[in-house]
Amino acid sequence: MPLTNTLTLEALSSRMDAWANETSKRGRLVRAFRKNLGDSPDLQAARLALLIEYAAQPA
């Protein structure tokens, strides 16, 4: 399922798996997204938008 012109759900998921153990901002973002910190749909939507933006950027 394409999320953007170049990013699929599977690609996002695999990148999030790779980032989950990083100490970087995107690693913290993945962990916060997965734990649903704050229990807020608005926060989760914002986190997902940032993760998609990170994943869509060329390496």
N, C-alpha and C. Protein backbone atom coordinates (compact mmCIF):
# COMPACT_ATOMS: atom_id res chain seq x y z
N MET A 1 0.84 -1.18 0.00
CA MET A 1 0.00 0.00 0.00
C MET A 1 0.89 1.24 0.00
N PRO A 2 0.83 2.06 -1.02
CA PRO A 2 1.70 3.24 -1.08
C PRO A 2 1.22 4.35 -0.14
N LEU A 3 2.15 4.88 0.63
CA LEU A 3 1.87 6.03 1.48
C LEU A 3 2.20 7.33 0.76
N THR A 4 3.25 7.27 -0.02
CA THR A 4 3.66 8.39 -0.88
C THR A 4 3.98 7.79 -2.24
N ASN A 5 4.47 8.61 -3.15
CA ASN A 5 4.84 8.10 -4.47
C ASN A 5 5.96 7.07 -4.41
N THR A 6 6.80 7.15 -3.38
CA THR A 6 7.96 6.27 -3.32
C THR A 6 8.03 5.42 -2.06
N LEU A 7 7.05 5.51 -1.17
CA LEU A 7 7.13 4.82 0.12
C LEU A 7 5.90 3.93 0.33
N THR A 8 6.15 2.66 0.60
CA THR A 8 5.07 1.73 0.90
C THR A 8 4.98 1.51 2.41
N LEU A 9 3.89 0.95 2.83
CA LEU A 9 3.71 0.65 4.25
C LEU A 9 4.76 -0.34 4.72
N GLU A 10 5.09 -1.31 3.89
CA GLU A 10 6.11 -2.30 4.24
C GLU A 10 7.49 -1.64 4.42
N ALA A 11 7.81 -0.70 3.54
CA ALA A 11 9.09 0.01 3.64
C ALA A 11 9.14 0.85 4.91
N LEU A 12 8.04 1.53 5.23
CA LEU A 12 8.00 2.33 6.46
C LEU A 12 8.17 1.42 7.67
N SER A 13 7.48 0.31 7.68
CA SER A 13 7.57 -0.61 8.80
C SER A 13 8.99 -1.15 8.99
N SER A 14 9.65 -1.51 7.91
CA SER A 14 11.02 -2.03 8.03
C SER A 14 11.99 -0.94 8.49
N ARG A 15 11.79 0.28 8.03
CA ARG A 15 12.65 1.38 8.48
C ARG A 15 12.41 1.70 9.95
N MET A 16 11.16 1.65 10.37
CA MET A 16 10.85 1.88 11.79
C MET A 16 11.49 0.79 12.66
N ASP A 17 11.47 -0.46 12.19
CA ASP A 17 12.13 -1.55 12.93
C ASP A 17 13.63 -1.26 13.08
N ALA A 18 14.24 -0.77 12.02
CA ALA A 18 15.67 -0.47 12.05
C ALA A 18 15.97 0.72 12.96
N TRP A 19 15.09 1.68 13.01
CA TRP A 19 15.31 2.89 13.82
C TRP A 19 15.00 2.68 15.29
N ALA A 20 14.21 1.69 15.63
CA ALA A 20 13.69 1.52 16.99
C ALA A 20 14.79 1.48 18.06
N ASN A 21 15.94 0.94 17.74
CA ASN A 21 17.02 0.82 18.74
C ASN A 21 18.04 1.94 18.67
N GLU A 22 17.83 2.90 17.79
CA GLU A 22 18.75 4.03 17.69
C GLU A 22 18.52 4.99 18.85
N THR A 23 19.55 5.76 19.18
CA THR A 23 19.40 6.80 20.20
C THR A 23 19.08 8.15 19.55
N SER A 24 18.77 8.14 18.28
CA SER A 24 18.49 9.36 17.53
C SER A 24 17.06 9.85 17.78
N LYS A 25 16.77 11.01 17.24
CA LYS A 25 15.42 11.57 17.35
C LYS A 25 14.39 10.63 16.72
N ARG A 26 14.73 10.07 15.57
CA ARG A 26 13.76 9.18 14.92
C ARG A 26 13.58 7.90 15.70
N GLY A 27 14.63 7.43 16.38
CA GLY A 27 14.49 6.25 17.23
C GLY A 27 13.56 6.51 18.40
N ARG A 28 13.72 7.67 19.03
CA ARG A 28 12.82 8.04 20.13
C ARG A 28 11.40 8.21 19.63
N LEU A 29 11.27 8.75 18.43
CA LEU A 29 9.95 8.94 17.82
C LEU A 29 9.26 7.61 17.56
N VAL A 30 9.99 6.63 17.07
CA VAL A 30 9.43 5.29 16.83
C VAL A 30 8.97 4.68 18.15
N ARG A 31 9.80 4.76 19.18
CA ARG A 31 9.43 4.17 20.46
C ARG A 31 8.20 4.87 21.06
N ALA A 32 8.13 6.19 20.94
CA ALA A 32 6.96 6.93 21.45
C ALA A 32 5.72 6.54 20.66
N PHE A 33 5.86 6.39 19.35
CA PHE A 33 4.72 5.99 18.52
C PHE A 33 4.22 4.60 18.90
N ARG A 34 5.13 3.68 19.07
CA ARG A 34 4.74 2.30 19.37
C ARG A 34 4.15 2.15 20.77
N LYS A 35 4.61 2.98 21.72
CA LYS A 35 4.08 2.91 23.09
C LYS A 35 2.84 3.78 23.26
N ASN A 36 2.50 4.56 22.23
CA ASN A 36 1.35 5.46 22.28
C ASN A 36 1.45 6.40 23.48
N LEU A 37 2.63 6.99 23.67
CA LEU A 37 2.83 7.90 24.80
C LEU A 37 1.88 9.08 24.70
N GLY A 38 1.23 9.38 25.79
CA GLY A 38 0.28 10.46 25.83
C GLY A 38 -1.14 10.04 25.49
N ASP A 39 -1.29 8.85 24.94
CA ASP A 39 -2.61 8.30 24.59
C ASP A 39 -3.48 9.32 23.86
N SER A 40 -2.89 9.95 22.84
CA SER A 40 -3.61 11.00 22.10
C SER A 40 -3.58 10.71 20.61
N PRO A 41 -4.75 10.65 19.98
CA PRO A 41 -4.77 10.44 18.53
C PRO A 41 -4.06 11.56 17.77
N ASP A 42 -4.13 12.78 18.28
CA ASP A 42 -3.45 13.90 17.63
C ASP A 42 -1.94 13.74 17.68
N LEU A 43 -1.42 13.32 18.84
CA LEU A 43 0.02 13.09 18.95
C LEU A 43 0.47 11.95 18.04
N GLN A 44 -0.32 10.87 18.00
CA GLN A 44 0.03 9.74 17.15
C GLN A 44 0.03 10.13 15.67
N ALA A 45 -0.93 10.95 15.27
CA ALA A 45 -0.98 11.40 13.87
C ALA A 45 0.23 12.26 13.55
N ALA A 46 0.62 13.12 14.47
CA ALA A 46 1.79 13.97 14.25
C ALA A 46 3.06 13.12 14.19
N ARG A 47 3.16 12.15 15.07
CA ARG A 47 4.33 11.25 15.06
C ARG A 47 4.41 10.47 13.75
N LEU A 48 3.27 9.94 13.32
CA LEU A 48 3.25 9.18 12.08
C LEU A 48 3.63 10.05 10.89
N ALA A 49 3.16 11.29 10.87
CA ALA A 49 3.52 12.21 9.78
C ALA A 49 5.02 12.45 9.76
N LEU A 50 5.63 12.64 10.93
CA LEU A 50 7.08 12.84 10.98
C LEU A 50 7.83 11.58 10.55
N LEU A 51 7.37 10.42 10.98
CA LEU A 51 8.03 9.17 10.59
C LEU A 51 7.95 8.95 9.09
N ILE A 52 6.80 9.25 8.49
CA ILE A 52 6.66 9.12 7.04
C ILE A 52 7.61 10.08 6.34
N GLU A 53 7.71 11.30 6.88
CA GLU A 53 8.63 12.29 6.28
C GLU A 53 10.08 11.80 6.37
N TYR A 54 10.50 11.28 7.53
CA TYR A 54 11.84 10.74 7.66
C TYR A 54 12.08 9.59 6.68
N ALA A 55 11.11 8.68 6.60
CA ALA A 55 11.28 7.50 5.75
C ALA A 55 11.29 7.83 4.27
N ALA A 56 10.59 8.89 3.88
CA ALA A 56 10.52 9.26 2.47
C ALA A 56 11.78 9.98 1.99
N GLN A 57 12.58 10.48 2.91
CA GLN A 57 13.82 11.17 2.52
C GLN A 57 14.83 10.17 1.99
N PRO A 58 15.56 10.57 0.95
CA PRO A 58 16.60 9.67 0.44
C PRO A 58 17.69 9.43 1.47
N ALA A 59 18.25 8.26 1.47
CA ALA A 59 19.29 7.90 2.45
C ALA A 59 20.56 8.67 2.26
